[in-house]
């Protein structure tokens, strides 16, 4: 699966603590194999984010993404404030 990284995602990713970045990379590897692996808790969002999806990289943190024609684009990574 092709994954594109939005500049906002790259900026937010750089701000994460190194241990969380490592966990995010491990979750991305799972996502590449199966974007709906139960360990990720992938789910479609609602309301103003209805075109977007997210998956878990820990109890508190999520990666926000959209499916595009040839893959996905990671839009942002943060705690639950990502939905605000």
PDB file of N, CA and C in Angstrom:
ATOM      1  N   UNK A   1       0.841  -1.178   0.000  1.00  0.00           N
ATOM      2  CA  UNK A   1       0.000   0.000   0.000  1.00  0.00           C
ATOM      3  C   UNK A   1       0.888   1.244   0.000  1.00  0.00           C
ATOM      4  N   UNK A   2       0.550   2.177  -0.842  1.00  0.00           N
ATOM      5  CA  UNK A   2       1.276   3.438  -0.920  1.00  0.00           C
ATOM      6  C   UNK A   2       0.735   4.385   0.149  1.00  0.00           C
ATOM      7  N   UNK A   3       1.640   4.960   0.936  1.00  0.00           N
ATOM      8  CA  UNK A   3       1.251   5.922   1.967  1.00  0.00           C
ATOM      9  C   UNK A   3       1.926   7.259   1.661  1.00  0.00           C
ATOM     10  N   UNK A   4       1.113   8.299   1.602  1.00  0.00           N
ATOM     11  CA  UNK A   4       1.599   9.658   1.425  1.00  0.00           C
ATOM     12  C   UNK A   4       1.518  10.356   2.773  1.00  0.00           C
ATOM     13  N   UNK A   5       2.394  11.319   2.994  1.00  0.00           N
ATOM     14  CA  UNK A   5       2.439  12.028   4.271  1.00  0.00           C
ATOM     15  C   UNK A   5       2.170  13.511   4.045  1.00  0.00           C
ATOM     16  N   UNK A   6       1.083  13.988   4.594  1.00  0.00           N
ATOM     17  CA  UNK A   6       0.738  15.406   4.531  1.00  0.00           C
ATOM     18  C   UNK A   6       1.769  16.184   5.359  1.00  0.00           C
ATOM     19  N   UNK A   7       2.125  17.402   4.964  1.00  0.00           N
ATOM     20  CA  UNK A   7       3.078  18.200   5.753  1.00  0.00           C
ATOM     21  C   UNK A   7       2.661  18.369   7.219  1.00  0.00           C
ATOM     22  N   UNK A   8       1.366  18.474   7.474  1.00  0.00           N
ATOM     23  CA  UNK A   8       0.881  18.595   8.858  1.00  0.00           C
ATOM     24  C   UNK A   8       1.218  17.329   9.649  1.00  0.00           C
ATOM     25  N   UNK A   9       1.093  16.164   9.001  1.00  0.00           N
ATOM     26  CA  UNK A   9       1.455  14.911   9.662  1.00  0.00           C
ATOM     27  C   UNK A   9       2.942  14.909  10.003  1.00  0.00           C
ATOM     28  N   UNK A  10       3.773  15.289   9.046  1.00  0.00           N
ATOM     29  CA  UNK A  10       5.221  15.295   9.272  1.00  0.00           C
ATOM     30  C   UNK A  10       5.590  16.211  10.438  1.00  0.00           C
ATOM     31  N   UNK A  11       4.965  17.360  10.512  1.00  0.00           N
ATOM     32  CA  UNK A  11       5.248  18.316  11.590  1.00  0.00           C
ATOM     33  C   UNK A  11       4.815  17.745  12.945  1.00  0.00           C
ATOM     34  N   UNK A  12       3.622  17.176  13.001  1.00  0.00           N
ATOM     35  CA  UNK A  12       3.128  16.589  14.246  1.00  0.00           C
ATOM     36  C   UNK A  12       3.956  15.378  14.660  1.00  0.00           C
ATOM     37  N   UNK A  13       4.363  14.593  13.683  1.00  0.00           N
ATOM     38  CA  UNK A  13       5.163  13.389  13.961  1.00  0.00           C
ATOM     39  C   UNK A  13       6.496  13.761  14.610  1.00  0.00           C
ATOM     40  N   UNK A  14       7.133  14.796  14.098  1.00  0.00           N
ATOM     41  CA  UNK A  14       8.413  15.239  14.652  1.00  0.00           C
ATOM     42  C   UNK A  14       8.299  15.682  16.111  1.00  0.00           C
ATOM     43  N   UNK A  15       7.123  16.129  16.526  1.00  0.00           N
ATOM     44  CA  UNK A  15       6.911  16.590  17.893  1.00  0.00           C
ATOM     45  C   UNK A  15       6.680  15.447  18.885  1.00  0.00           C
ATOM     46  N   UNK A  16       6.402  14.248  18.383  1.00  0.00           N
ATOM     47  CA  UNK A  16       6.143  13.118  19.278  1.00  0.00           C
ATOM     48  C   UNK A  16       7.415  12.693  20.003  1.00  0.00           C
ATOM     49  N   UNK A  17       7.279  12.200  21.237  1.00  0.00           N
ATOM     50  CA  UNK A  17       8.444  11.630  21.928  1.00  0.00           C
ATOM     51  C   UNK A  17       8.969  10.419  21.145  1.00  0.00           C
ATOM     52  N   UNK A  18      10.250  10.145  21.259  1.00  0.00           N
ATOM     53  CA  UNK A  18      10.876   9.091  20.453  1.00  0.00           C
ATOM     54  C   UNK A  18      10.229   7.727  20.665  1.00  0.00           C
ATOM     55  N   UNK A  19       9.834   7.395  21.881  1.00  0.00           N
ATOM     56  CA  UNK A  19       9.184   6.097  22.118  1.00  0.00           C
ATOM     57  C   UNK A  19       7.848   5.996  21.390  1.00  0.00           C
ATOM     58  N   UNK A  20       7.122   7.096  21.341  1.00  0.00           N
ATOM     59  CA  UNK A  20       5.845   7.109  20.637  1.00  0.00           C
ATOM     60  C   UNK A  20       6.058   7.041  19.123  1.00  0.00           C
ATOM     61  N   UNK A  21       7.111   7.686  18.632  1.00  0.00           N
ATOM     62  CA  UNK A  21       7.431   7.586  17.194  1.00  0.00           C
ATOM     63  C   UNK A  21       7.734   6.135  16.829  1.00  0.00           C
ATOM     64  N   UNK A  22       8.468   5.438  17.677  1.00  0.00           N
ATOM     65  CA  UNK A  22       8.789   4.032  17.418  1.00  0.00           C
ATOM     66  C   UNK A  22       7.517   3.189  17.383  1.00  0.00           C
ATOM     67  N   UNK A  23       6.605   3.456  18.304  1.00  0.00           N
ATOM     68  CA  UNK A  23       5.333   2.724  18.320  1.00  0.00           C
ATOM     69  C   UNK A  23       4.511   3.044  17.070  1.00  0.00           C
ATOM     70  N   UNK A  24       4.530   4.305  16.646  1.00  0.00           N
ATOM     71  CA  UNK A  24       3.803   4.700  15.438  1.00  0.00           C
ATOM     72  C   UNK A  24       4.365   3.974  14.215  1.00  0.00           C
ATOM     73  N   UNK A  25       5.669   3.827  14.146  1.00  0.00           N
ATOM     74  CA  UNK A  25       6.281   3.114  13.019  1.00  0.00           C
ATOM     75  C   UNK A  25       5.895   1.640  13.024  1.00  0.00           C
ATOM     76  N   UNK A  26       5.826   1.036  14.210  1.00  0.00           N
ATOM     77  CA  UNK A  26       5.403  -0.361  14.306  1.00  0.00           C
ATOM     78  C   UNK A  26       3.950  -0.507  13.870  1.00  0.00           C
ATOM     79  N   UNK A  27       3.106   0.432  14.281  1.00  0.00           N
ATOM     80  CA  UNK A  27       1.697   0.393  13.874  1.00  0.00           C
ATOM     81  C   UNK A  27       1.542   0.632  12.373  1.00  0.00           C
ATOM     82  N   UNK A  28       2.388   1.491  11.821  1.00  0.00           N
ATOM     83  CA  UNK A  28       2.335   1.718  10.369  1.00  0.00           C
ATOM     84  C   UNK A  28       2.679   0.440   9.618  1.00  0.00           C
ATOM     85  N   UNK A  29       3.619  -0.332  10.121  1.00  0.00           N
ATOM     86  CA  UNK A  29       3.982  -1.602   9.485  1.00  0.00           C
ATOM     87  C   UNK A  29       2.782  -2.555   9.488  1.00  0.00           C
ATOM     88  N   UNK A  30       2.055  -2.597  10.590  1.00  0.00           N
ATOM     89  CA  UNK A  30       0.841  -3.417  10.653  1.00  0.00           C
ATOM     90  C   UNK A  30      -0.182  -2.888   9.662  1.00  0.00           C
ATOM     91  N   UNK A  31      -0.343  -1.570   9.625  1.00  0.00           N
ATOM     92  CA  UNK A  31      -1.309  -0.919   8.731  1.00  0.00           C
ATOM     93  C   UNK A  31      -1.018  -1.244   7.267  1.00  0.00           C
ATOM     94  N   UNK A  32       0.257  -1.254   6.897  1.00  0.00           N
ATOM     95  CA  UNK A  32       0.632  -1.557   5.510  1.00  0.00           C
ATOM     96  C   UNK A  32       0.196  -2.963   5.099  1.00  0.00           C
ATOM     97  N   UNK A  33       0.216  -3.896   6.036  1.00  0.00           N
ATOM     98  CA  UNK A  33      -0.180  -5.279   5.739  1.00  0.00           C
ATOM     99  C   UNK A  33      -1.693  -5.450   5.739  1.00  0.00           C
ATOM    100  N   UNK A  34      -2.363  -4.797   6.698  1.00  0.00           N
ATOM    101  CA  UNK A  34      -3.809  -4.914   6.824  1.00  0.00           C
ATOM    102  C   UNK A  34      -4.326  -3.682   7.546  1.00  0.00           C
ATOM    103  N   UNK A  35      -4.906  -2.755   6.804  1.00  0.00           N
ATOM    104  CA  UNK A  35      -5.346  -1.489   7.403  1.00  0.00           C
ATOM    105  C   UNK A  35      -6.489  -1.665   8.399  1.00  0.00           C
ATOM    106  N   UNK A  36      -7.091  -2.852   8.432  1.00  0.00           N
ATOM    107  CA  UNK A  36      -8.174  -3.113   9.368  1.00  0.00           C
ATOM    108  C   UNK A  36      -7.809  -4.188  10.384  1.00  0.00           C
ATOM    109  N   UNK A  37      -6.528  -4.352  10.637  1.00  0.00           N
ATOM    110  CA  UNK A  37      -6.076  -5.283  11.675  1.00  0.00           C
ATOM    111  C   UNK A  37      -6.709  -4.851  13.003  1.00  0.00           C
ATOM    112  N   UNK A  38      -7.269  -5.785  13.765  1.00  0.00           N
ATOM    113  CA  UNK A  38      -7.941  -5.423  15.014  1.00  0.00           C
ATOM    114  C   UNK A  38      -7.060  -4.676  16.020  1.00  0.00           C
ATOM    115  N   UNK A  39      -5.760  -4.883  15.973  1.00  0.00           N
ATOM    116  CA  UNK A  39      -4.857  -4.181  16.895  1.00  0.00           C
ATOM    117  C   UNK A  39      -4.842  -2.678  16.664  1.00  0.00           C
ATOM    118  N   UNK A  40      -5.259  -2.240  15.489  1.00  0.00           N
ATOM    119  CA  UNK A  40      -5.223  -0.823  15.140  1.00  0.00           C
ATOM    120  C   UNK A  40      -6.487  -0.064  15.532  1.00  0.00           C
ATOM    121  N   UNK A  41      -7.579  -0.781  15.717  1.00  0.00           N
ATOM    122  CA  UNK A  41      -8.872  -0.139  16.000  1.00  0.00           C
ATOM    123  C   UNK A  41      -9.189   0.921  14.940  1.00  0.00           C
ATOM    124  N   UNK A  42      -9.019   0.563  13.678  1.00  0.00           N
ATOM    125  CA  UNK A  42      -9.311   1.471  12.559  1.00  0.00           C
ATOM    126  C   UNK A  42     -10.811   1.748  12.515  1.00  0.00           C
ATOM    127  N   UNK A  43     -11.158   3.012  12.414  1.00  0.00           N
ATOM    128  CA  UNK A  43     -12.573   3.356  12.349  1.00  0.00           C
ATOM    129  C   UNK A  43     -12.795   4.639  11.544  1.00  0.00           C
ATOM    130  N   UNK A  44     -13.972   4.675  10.913  1.00  0.00           N
ATOM    131  CA  UNK A  44     -14.391   5.833  10.131  1.00  0.00           C
ATOM    132  C   UNK A  44     -14.898   6.899  11.086  1.00  0.00           C
ATOM    133  N   UNK A  45     -14.600   8.146  10.758  1.00  0.00           N
ATOM    134  CA  UNK A  45     -15.030   9.258  11.598  1.00  0.00           C
ATOM    135  C   UNK A  45     -16.361   9.816  11.109  1.00  0.00           C
ATOM    136  N   UNK A  46     -16.936  10.707  11.884  1.00  0.00           N
ATOM    137  CA  UNK A  46     -18.258  11.252  11.587  1.00  0.00           C
ATOM    138  C   UNK A  46     -18.216  12.782  11.612  1.00  0.00           C
ATOM    139  N   UNK A  47     -19.333  13.376  11.265  1.00  0.00           N
ATOM    140  CA  UNK A  47     -19.454  14.835  11.299  1.00  0.00           C
ATOM    141  C   UNK A  47     -18.553  15.499  10.277  1.00  0.00           C
ATOM    142  N   UNK A  48     -17.854  16.544  10.705  1.00  0.00           N
ATOM    143  CA  UNK A  48     -17.020  17.297   9.767  1.00  0.00           C
ATOM    144  C   UNK A  48     -15.824  16.493   9.261  1.00  0.00           C
ATOM    145  N   UNK A  49     -15.520  15.389   9.917  1.00  0.00           N
ATOM    146  CA  UNK A  49     -14.393  14.529   9.499  1.00  0.00           C
ATOM    147  C   UNK A  49     -14.879  13.263   8.801  1.00  0.00           C
ATOM    148  N   UNK A  50     -16.095  13.273   8.266  1.00  0.00           N
ATOM    149  CA  UNK A  50     -16.724  12.059   7.736  1.00  0.00           C
ATOM    150  C   UNK A  50     -15.971  11.399   6.575  1.00  0.00           C
ATOM    151  N   UNK A  51     -15.085  12.087   5.913  1.00  0.00           N
ATOM    152  CA  UNK A  51     -14.296  11.498   4.824  1.00  0.00           C
ATOM    153  C   UNK A  51     -13.026  10.834   5.353  1.00  0.00           C
ATOM    154  N   UNK A  52     -12.776  10.982   6.638  1.00  0.00           N
ATOM    155  CA  UNK A  52     -11.511  10.538   7.209  1.00  0.00           C
ATOM    156  C   UNK A  52     -11.688   9.326   8.124  1.00  0.00           C
ATOM    157  N   UNK A  53     -10.558   8.675   8.362  1.00  0.00           N
ATOM    158  CA  UNK A  53     -10.476   7.502   9.223  1.00  0.00           C
ATOM    159  C   UNK A  53      -9.354   7.740  10.221  1.00  0.00           C
ATOM    160  N   UNK A  54      -9.314   6.918  11.260  1.00  0.00           N
ATOM    161  CA  UNK A  54      -8.179   6.975  12.176  1.00  0.00           C
ATOM    162  C   UNK A  54      -7.874   5.570  12.685  1.00  0.00           C
ATOM    163  N   UNK A  55      -6.632   5.409  13.137  1.00  0.00           N
ATOM    164  CA  UNK A  55      -6.269   4.178  13.827  1.00  0.00           C
ATOM    165  C   UNK A  55      -5.397   4.518  15.016  1.00  0.00           C
ATOM    166  N   UNK A  56      -5.378   3.606  15.960  1.00  0.00           N
ATOM    167  CA  UNK A  56      -4.727   3.828  17.244  1.00  0.00           C
ATOM    168  C   UNK A  56      -3.242   3.487  17.185  1.00  0.00           C
ATOM    169  N   UNK A  57      -2.436   4.348  17.824  1.00  0.00           N
ATOM    170  CA  UNK A  57      -1.024   4.004  18.024  1.00  0.00           C
ATOM    171  C   UNK A  57      -0.722   3.915  19.512  1.00  0.00           C
ATOM    172  N   UNK A  58      -1.752   3.854  20.275  1.00  0.00           N
ATOM    173  CA  UNK A  58      -1.632   3.742  21.721  1.00  0.00           C
ATOM    174  C   UNK A  58      -2.960   4.082  22.342  1.00  0.00           C
ATOM    175  N   UNK A  59      -2.998   4.040  23.653  1.00  0.00           N
ATOM    176  CA  UNK A  59      -4.240   4.316  24.356  1.00  0.00           C
ATOM    177  C   UNK A  59      -4.780   5.706  24.023  1.00  0.00           C
ATOM    178  N   UNK A  60      -3.885   6.660  23.851  1.00  0.00           N
ATOM    179  CA  UNK A  60      -4.292   8.052  23.700  1.00  0.00           C
ATOM    180  C   UNK A  60      -4.090   8.618  22.295  1.00  0.00           C
ATOM    181  N   UNK A  61      -3.157   8.106  21.530  1.00  0.00           N
ATOM    182  CA  UNK A  61      -2.765   8.722  20.259  1.00  0.00           C
ATOM    183  C   UNK A  61      -3.361   8.020  19.048  1.00  0.00           C
ATOM    184  N   UNK A  62      -3.619   8.823  18.011  1.00  0.00           N
ATOM    185  CA  UNK A  62      -4.243   8.350  16.776  1.00  0.00           C
ATOM    186  C   UNK A  62      -3.526   8.913  15.559  1.00  0.00           C
ATOM    187  N   UNK A  63      -3.621   8.170  14.466  1.00  0.00           N
ATOM    188  CA  UNK A  63      -3.207   8.683  13.155  1.00  0.00           C
ATOM    189  C   UNK A  63      -4.479   8.894  12.348  1.00  0.00           C
ATOM    190  N   UNK A  64      -4.632  10.084  11.826  1.00  0.00           N
ATOM    191  CA  UNK A  64      -5.776  10.476  11.019  1.00  0.00           C
ATOM    192  C   UNK A  64      -5.385  10.328   9.553  1.00  0.00           C
ATOM    193  N   UNK A  65      -6.237   9.680   8.752  1.00  0.00           N
ATOM    194  CA  UNK A  65      -5.899   9.456   7.346  1.00  0.00           C
ATOM    195  C   UNK A  65      -7.138   9.415   6.471  1.00  0.00           C
ATOM    196  N   UNK A  66      -6.890   9.481   5.159  1.00  0.00           N
ATOM    197  CA  UNK A  66      -7.941   9.323   4.149  1.00  0.00           C
ATOM    198  C   UNK A  66      -7.469   8.322   3.119  1.00  0.00           C
ATOM    199  N   UNK A  67      -8.403   7.544   2.607  1.00  0.00           N
ATOM    200  CA  UNK A  67      -8.104   6.679   1.472  1.00  0.00           C
ATOM    201  C   UNK A  67      -8.111   7.533   0.211  1.00  0.00           C
ATOM    202  N   UNK A  68      -7.130   7.333  -0.660  1.00  0.00           N
ATOM    203  CA  UNK A  68      -7.070   7.993  -1.965  1.00  0.00           C
ATOM    204  C   UNK A  68      -6.973   6.901  -3.020  1.00  0.00           C
ATOM    205  N   UNK A  69      -7.042   7.283  -4.293  1.00  0.00           N
ATOM    206  CA  UNK A  69      -7.095   6.311  -5.383  1.00  0.00           C
ATOM    207  C   UNK A  69      -6.020   5.229  -5.305  1.00  0.00           C
ATOM    208  N   UNK A  70      -4.798   5.609  -5.042  1.00  0.00           N
ATOM    209  CA  UNK A  70      -3.700   4.641  -5.094  1.00  0.00           C
ATOM    210  C   UNK A  70      -3.081   4.344  -3.731  1.00  0.00           C
ATOM    211  N   UNK A  71      -3.812   4.625  -2.643  1.00  0.00           N
ATOM    212  CA  UNK A  71      -3.278   4.352  -1.317  1.00  0.00           C
ATOM    213  C   UNK A  71      -3.992   5.155  -0.253  1.00  0.00           C
ATOM    214  N   UNK A  72      -3.212   5.685   0.681  1.00  0.00           N
ATOM    215  CA  UNK A  72      -3.766   6.524   1.742  1.00  0.00           C
ATOM    216  C   UNK A  72      -2.849   7.713   1.961  1.00  0.00           C
ATOM    217  N   UNK A  73      -3.413   8.744   2.560  1.00  0.00           N
ATOM    218  CA  UNK A  73      -2.609   9.890   2.958  1.00  0.00           C
ATOM    219  C   UNK A  73      -2.774  10.064   4.460  1.00  0.00           C
ATOM    220  N   UNK A  74      -1.661  10.031   5.170  1.00  0.00           N
ATOM    221  CA  UNK A  74      -1.662  10.301   6.602  1.00  0.00           C
ATOM    222  C   UNK A  74      -1.740  11.812   6.774  1.00  0.00           C
ATOM    223  N   UNK A  75      -2.796  12.273   7.450  1.00  0.00           N
ATOM    224  CA  UNK A  75      -3.065  13.699   7.571  1.00  0.00           C
ATOM    225  C   UNK A  75      -2.495  14.322   8.840  1.00  0.00           C
ATOM    226  N   UNK A  76      -2.556  13.579   9.949  1.00  0.00           N
ATOM    227  CA  UNK A  76      -2.099  14.132  11.220  1.00  0.00           C
ATOM    228  C   UNK A  76      -1.914  12.998  12.217  1.00  0.00           C
ATOM    229  N   UNK A  77      -1.174  13.276  13.263  1.00  0.00           N
ATOM    230  CA  UNK A  77      -0.996  12.335  14.375  1.00  0.00           C
ATOM    231  C   UNK A  77      -0.988  13.149  15.659  1.00  0.00           C
ATOM    232  N   UNK A  78      -1.792  12.703  16.634  1.00  0.00           N
ATOM    233  CA  UNK A  78      -1.883  13.452  17.893  1.00  0.00           C
ATOM    234  C   UNK A  78      -2.765  12.657  18.849  1.00  0.00           C
ATOM    235  N   UNK A  79      -3.032  13.269  20.019  1.00  0.00           N
ATOM    236  CA  UNK A  79      -3.948  12.641  20.955  1.00  0.00           C
ATOM    237  C   UNK A  79      -5.386  12.914  20.486  1.00  0.00           C
ATOM    238  N   UNK A  80      -6.353  12.698  21.349  1.00  0.00           N
ATOM    239  CA  UNK A  80      -7.746  12.862  20.929  1.00  0.00           C
ATOM    240  C   UNK A  80      -8.099  14.277  20.501  1.00  0.00           C
ATOM    241  N   UNK A  81      -7.233  15.247  20.775  1.00  0.00           N
ATOM    242  CA  UNK A  81      -7.468  16.623  20.312  1.00  0.00           C
ATOM    243  C   UNK A  81      -7.453  16.697  18.784  1.00  0.00           C
ATOM    244  N   UNK A  82      -6.950  15.660  18.150  1.00  0.00           N
ATOM    245  CA  UNK A  82      -6.875  15.609  16.695  1.00  0.00           C
ATOM    246  C   UNK A  82      -8.260  15.779  16.059  1.00  0.00           C
ATOM    247  N   UNK A  83      -9.296  15.377  16.793  1.00  0.00           N
ATOM    248  CA  UNK A  83     -10.658  15.432  16.264  1.00  0.00           C
ATOM    249  C   UNK A  83     -11.313  16.793  16.419  1.00  0.00           C
ATOM    250  N   UNK A  84     -10.666  17.682  17.137  1.00  0.00           N
ATOM    251  CA  UNK A  84     -11.277  18.999  17.394  1.00  0.00           C
ATOM    252  C   UNK A  84     -11.173  19.909  16.185  1.00  0.00           C
TER     253      UNK A  84
END
